[in-house]
Amino acid sequence: MNQFHAKAVFERGAWRARVRYVHKADYIELPEPYGTKAEAEIAALRHQEHHINSTLTGFRADFDLQSEIEKVFGKGRQIEVETKRKRA
């Protein structure tokens, strides 16, 4: 399913935090072991929140939408637009 999910599992004698993203099929396990289930769940949720709120992959600060449009569609031509006046 395409859902985010964060959980804690007891494995190898400690609680482990796991996170699943919509674009990944398997869970990602955080490397640190935790003493309690609550600590592991909080760590998983914080990791997930950081991922969701981080900068998008491929984001460029110098991205110019107008030049990208012109690359695809060409320069184009000016079109005169007539506006109607509001009634008094």
N, C-alpha and C. Protein backbone atom coordinates (compact mmCIF):
# COMPACT_ATOMS: atom_id res chain seq x y z
N MET A 1 0.84 -1.18 0.00
CA MET A 1 0.00 0.00 0.00
C MET A 1 0.88 1.24 0.00
N ASN A 2 0.41 2.29 -0.59
CA ASN A 2 1.15 3.53 -0.64
C ASN A 2 0.80 4.40 0.56
N GLN A 3 1.41 4.09 1.68
CA GLN A 3 1.16 4.83 2.90
C GLN A 3 2.47 5.02 3.67
N PHE A 4 2.55 6.14 4.37
CA PHE A 4 3.62 6.32 5.33
C PHE A 4 3.26 5.53 6.57
N HIS A 5 4.26 4.98 7.24
CA HIS A 5 4.00 4.25 8.48
C HIS A 5 5.24 4.28 9.35
N ALA A 6 5.05 4.45 10.64
CA ALA A 6 6.15 4.42 11.60
C ALA A 6 5.77 3.47 12.72
N LYS A 7 6.70 2.62 13.13
CA LYS A 7 6.38 1.66 14.19
C LYS A 7 7.62 1.29 14.98
N ALA A 8 7.38 0.63 16.10
CA ALA A 8 8.47 0.11 16.95
C ALA A 8 8.32 -1.40 17.02
N VAL A 9 9.43 -2.12 16.91
CA VAL A 9 9.42 -3.58 17.01
C VAL A 9 10.49 -4.01 18.01
N PHE A 10 10.20 -5.05 18.78
CA PHE A 10 11.19 -5.58 19.71
C PHE A 10 11.98 -6.66 18.99
N GLU A 11 13.28 -6.41 18.83
CA GLU A 11 14.10 -7.30 18.03
C GLU A 11 15.54 -7.25 18.55
N ARG A 12 16.19 -8.39 18.63
CA ARG A 12 17.58 -8.50 19.08
C ARG A 12 17.78 -7.87 20.46
N GLY A 13 16.81 -8.04 21.34
CA GLY A 13 16.93 -7.59 22.72
C GLY A 13 16.70 -6.12 22.97
N ALA A 14 16.20 -5.38 21.98
CA ALA A 14 15.95 -3.94 22.16
C ALA A 14 14.81 -3.50 21.24
N TRP A 15 14.26 -2.34 21.54
CA TRP A 15 13.22 -1.77 20.68
C TRP A 15 13.89 -1.06 19.52
N ARG A 16 13.38 -1.31 18.32
CA ARG A 16 13.92 -0.71 17.09
C ARG A 16 12.84 0.14 16.43
N ALA A 17 13.23 1.27 15.87
CA ALA A 17 12.30 2.15 15.16
C ALA A 17 12.36 1.84 13.67
N ARG A 18 11.19 1.73 13.06
CA ARG A 18 11.11 1.47 11.62
C ARG A 18 10.16 2.46 10.97
N VAL A 19 10.51 2.87 9.76
CA VAL A 19 9.72 3.84 9.00
C VAL A 19 9.53 3.32 7.59
N ARG A 20 8.33 3.51 7.07
CA ARG A 20 8.04 3.12 5.68
C ARG A 20 7.54 4.36 4.95
N TYR A 21 8.10 4.60 3.78
CA TYR A 21 7.71 5.73 2.95
C TYR A 21 6.86 5.24 1.78
N VAL A 22 6.09 6.14 1.18
CA VAL A 22 5.19 5.74 0.10
C VAL A 22 5.94 5.25 -1.13
N HIS A 23 7.14 5.71 -1.35
CA HIS A 23 7.90 5.32 -2.54
C HIS A 23 8.82 4.12 -2.30
N LYS A 24 8.78 3.55 -1.11
CA LYS A 24 9.60 2.37 -0.79
C LYS A 24 8.69 1.21 -0.41
N ALA A 25 9.09 0.02 -0.75
CA ALA A 25 8.27 -1.16 -0.44
C ALA A 25 8.54 -1.68 0.96
N ASP A 26 9.77 -1.56 1.44
CA ASP A 26 10.14 -2.12 2.73
C ASP A 26 10.35 -1.02 3.77
N TYR A 27 10.34 -1.45 5.03
CA TYR A 27 10.62 -0.53 6.13
C TYR A 27 12.11 -0.22 6.19
N ILE A 28 12.42 1.00 6.62
CA ILE A 28 13.80 1.40 6.88
C ILE A 28 13.98 1.35 8.39
N GLU A 29 14.99 0.63 8.85
CA GLU A 29 15.24 0.54 10.29
C GLU A 29 16.25 1.59 10.70
N LEU A 30 15.92 2.36 11.72
CA LEU A 30 16.87 3.33 12.25
C LEU A 30 17.95 2.55 13.02
N PRO A 31 19.19 2.99 12.97
CA PRO A 31 20.29 2.19 13.52
C PRO A 31 20.35 2.10 15.04
N GLU A 32 19.78 3.06 15.76
CA GLU A 32 19.90 3.07 17.21
C GLU A 32 18.89 2.14 17.87
N PRO A 33 19.30 1.38 18.89
CA PRO A 33 18.34 0.62 19.69
C PRO A 33 17.77 1.53 20.79
N TYR A 34 16.54 1.26 21.22
CA TYR A 34 15.88 2.08 22.24
C TYR A 34 15.47 1.21 23.41
N GLY A 35 15.39 1.81 24.58
CA GLY A 35 15.06 1.08 25.80
C GLY A 35 13.58 0.76 25.95
N THR A 36 12.71 1.64 25.41
CA THR A 36 11.27 1.41 25.55
C THR A 36 10.60 1.53 24.19
N LYS A 37 9.40 0.98 24.13
CA LYS A 37 8.62 1.04 22.90
C LYS A 37 8.27 2.49 22.56
N ALA A 38 7.92 3.27 23.57
CA ALA A 38 7.56 4.68 23.35
C ALA A 38 8.71 5.47 22.75
N GLU A 39 9.94 5.27 23.25
CA GLU A 39 11.11 5.97 22.71
C GLU A 39 11.32 5.62 21.24
N ALA A 40 11.17 4.35 20.92
CA ALA A 40 11.36 3.90 19.54
C ALA A 40 10.28 4.48 18.62
N GLU A 41 9.03 4.50 19.07
CA GLU A 41 7.95 5.07 18.25
C GLU A 41 8.14 6.57 18.03
N ILE A 42 8.54 7.27 19.08
CA ILE A 42 8.79 8.71 18.95
C ILE A 42 9.93 8.97 17.96
N ALA A 43 10.98 8.18 18.05
CA ALA A 43 12.11 8.34 17.12
C ALA A 43 11.67 8.08 15.68
N ALA A 44 10.85 7.06 15.48
CA ALA A 44 10.36 6.74 14.13
C ALA A 44 9.48 7.87 13.59
N LEU A 45 8.60 8.39 14.43
CA LEU A 45 7.72 9.48 14.00
C LEU A 45 8.51 10.76 13.71
N ARG A 46 9.52 11.06 14.52
CA ARG A 46 10.35 12.24 14.27
C ARG A 46 11.14 12.10 12.98
N HIS A 47 11.66 10.90 12.75
CA HIS A 47 12.40 10.65 11.51
C HIS A 47 11.48 10.82 10.30
N GLN A 48 10.28 10.30 10.41
CA GLN A 48 9.30 10.42 9.33
C GLN A 48 8.92 11.88 9.09
N GLU A 49 8.69 12.63 10.17
CA GLU A 49 8.34 14.04 10.05
C GLU A 49 9.47 14.81 9.37
N HIS A 50 10.71 14.53 9.74
CA HIS A 50 11.85 15.19 9.12
C HIS A 50 11.89 14.90 7.62
N HIS A 51 11.63 13.66 7.24
CA HIS A 51 11.64 13.27 5.83
C HIS A 51 10.55 14.02 5.05
N ILE A 52 9.35 14.08 5.62
CA ILE A 52 8.23 14.73 4.93
C ILE A 52 8.47 16.23 4.78
N ASN A 53 9.04 16.86 5.79
CA ASN A 53 9.24 18.31 5.76
C ASN A 53 10.57 18.75 5.17
N SER A 54 11.40 17.83 4.72
CA SER A 54 12.70 18.21 4.16
C SER A 54 12.54 18.72 2.73
N THR A 55 13.62 19.26 2.19
CA THR A 55 13.61 19.80 0.84
C THR A 55 13.36 18.68 -0.17
N LEU A 56 12.55 18.99 -1.16
CA LEU A 56 12.23 18.00 -2.19
C LEU A 56 13.48 17.60 -2.96
N THR A 57 13.57 16.35 -3.34
CA THR A 57 14.69 15.87 -4.13
C THR A 57 14.63 16.51 -5.51
N GLY A 58 15.73 16.99 -5.99
CA GLY A 58 15.78 17.62 -7.30
C GLY A 58 15.41 19.09 -7.28
N PHE A 59 15.17 19.65 -6.11
CA PHE A 59 14.83 21.07 -6.02
C PHE A 59 16.05 21.91 -6.33
N ARG A 60 15.86 22.90 -7.19
CA ARG A 60 16.95 23.81 -7.54
C ARG A 60 16.52 25.23 -7.22
N ALA A 61 17.33 25.96 -6.51
CA ALA A 61 17.00 27.35 -6.18
C ALA A 61 17.08 28.24 -7.41
N ASP A 62 17.87 27.84 -8.41
CA ASP A 62 18.03 28.67 -9.61
C ASP A 62 17.06 28.27 -10.72
N PHE A 63 16.05 27.48 -10.41
CA PHE A 63 15.08 27.01 -11.39
C PHE A 63 14.25 28.18 -11.91
N ASP A 64 14.18 28.34 -13.22
CA ASP A 64 13.41 29.41 -13.83
C ASP A 64 12.32 28.77 -14.67
N LEU A 65 11.09 28.85 -14.19
CA LEU A 65 9.96 28.21 -14.86
C LEU A 65 9.77 28.74 -16.28
N GLN A 66 9.88 30.04 -16.46
CA GLN A 66 9.66 30.62 -17.78
C GLN A 66 10.63 30.06 -18.81
N SER A 67 11.91 29.95 -18.47
CA SER A 67 12.88 29.41 -19.43
C SER A 67 12.64 27.93 -19.70
N GLU A 68 12.19 27.19 -18.70
CA GLU A 68 11.88 25.77 -18.92
C GLU A 68 10.68 25.61 -19.85
N ILE A 69 9.68 26.46 -19.70
CA ILE A 69 8.51 26.44 -20.59
C ILE A 69 8.93 26.77 -22.01
N GLU A 70 9.78 27.78 -22.17
CA GLU A 70 10.25 28.16 -23.51
C GLU A 70 11.07 27.07 -24.16
N LYS A 71 11.80 26.28 -23.40
CA LYS A 71 12.55 25.15 -23.96
C LYS A 71 11.61 24.13 -24.57
N VAL A 72 10.47 23.90 -23.92
CA VAL A 72 9.53 22.89 -24.38
C VAL A 72 8.64 23.42 -25.51
N PHE A 73 8.09 24.62 -25.35
CA PHE A 73 7.08 25.12 -26.27
C PHE A 73 7.59 26.20 -27.23
N GLY A 74 8.81 26.65 -27.06
CA GLY A 74 9.31 27.72 -27.91
C GLY A 74 8.98 29.08 -27.31
N LYS A 75 9.46 30.12 -28.00
CA LYS A 75 9.32 31.48 -27.46
C LYS A 75 7.87 31.95 -27.48
N GLY A 76 7.12 31.62 -28.51
CA GLY A 76 5.73 32.04 -28.57
C GLY A 76 5.58 33.46 -29.09
N ARG A 77 4.35 33.95 -29.10
CA ARG A 77 4.09 35.29 -29.60
C ARG A 77 3.18 36.03 -28.62
N GLN A 78 3.24 37.34 -28.68
CA GLN A 78 2.40 38.18 -27.83
C GLN A 78 0.96 38.15 -28.34
N ILE A 79 0.02 38.12 -27.45
CA ILE A 79 -1.40 38.15 -27.81
C ILE A 79 -2.03 39.33 -27.07
N GLU A 80 -2.71 40.17 -27.82
CA GLU A 80 -3.42 41.29 -27.23
C GLU A 80 -4.68 40.79 -26.56
N VAL A 81 -4.93 41.25 -25.37
CA VAL A 81 -6.12 40.84 -24.63
C VAL A 81 -6.95 42.07 -24.34
N GLU A 82 -8.22 42.01 -24.74
CA GLU A 82 -9.12 43.13 -24.51
C GLU A 82 -9.91 42.86 -23.24
N THR A 83 -9.98 43.83 -22.36
CA THR A 83 -10.74 43.67 -21.12
C THR A 83 -12.03 44.46 -21.18
N LYS A 84 -13.05 43.93 -20.56
CA LYS A 84 -14.34 44.62 -20.51
C LYS A 84 -14.35 45.56 -19.32
N ARG A 85 -15.04 46.68 -19.47
CA ARG A 85 -15.16 47.63 -18.37
C ARG A 85 -16.29 47.20 -17.46
N LYS A 86 -16.14 47.51 -16.19
CA LYS A 86 -17.19 47.20 -15.22
C LYS A 86 -18.36 48.15 -15.42
N ARG A 87 -19.55 47.63 -15.17
CA ARG A 87 -20.74 48.47 -15.25
C ARG A 87 -20.81 49.38 -14.02
N ALA A 88 -21.32 50.57 -14.24
CA ALA A 88 -21.41 51.53 -13.15
C ALA A 88 -22.64 51.29 -12.28
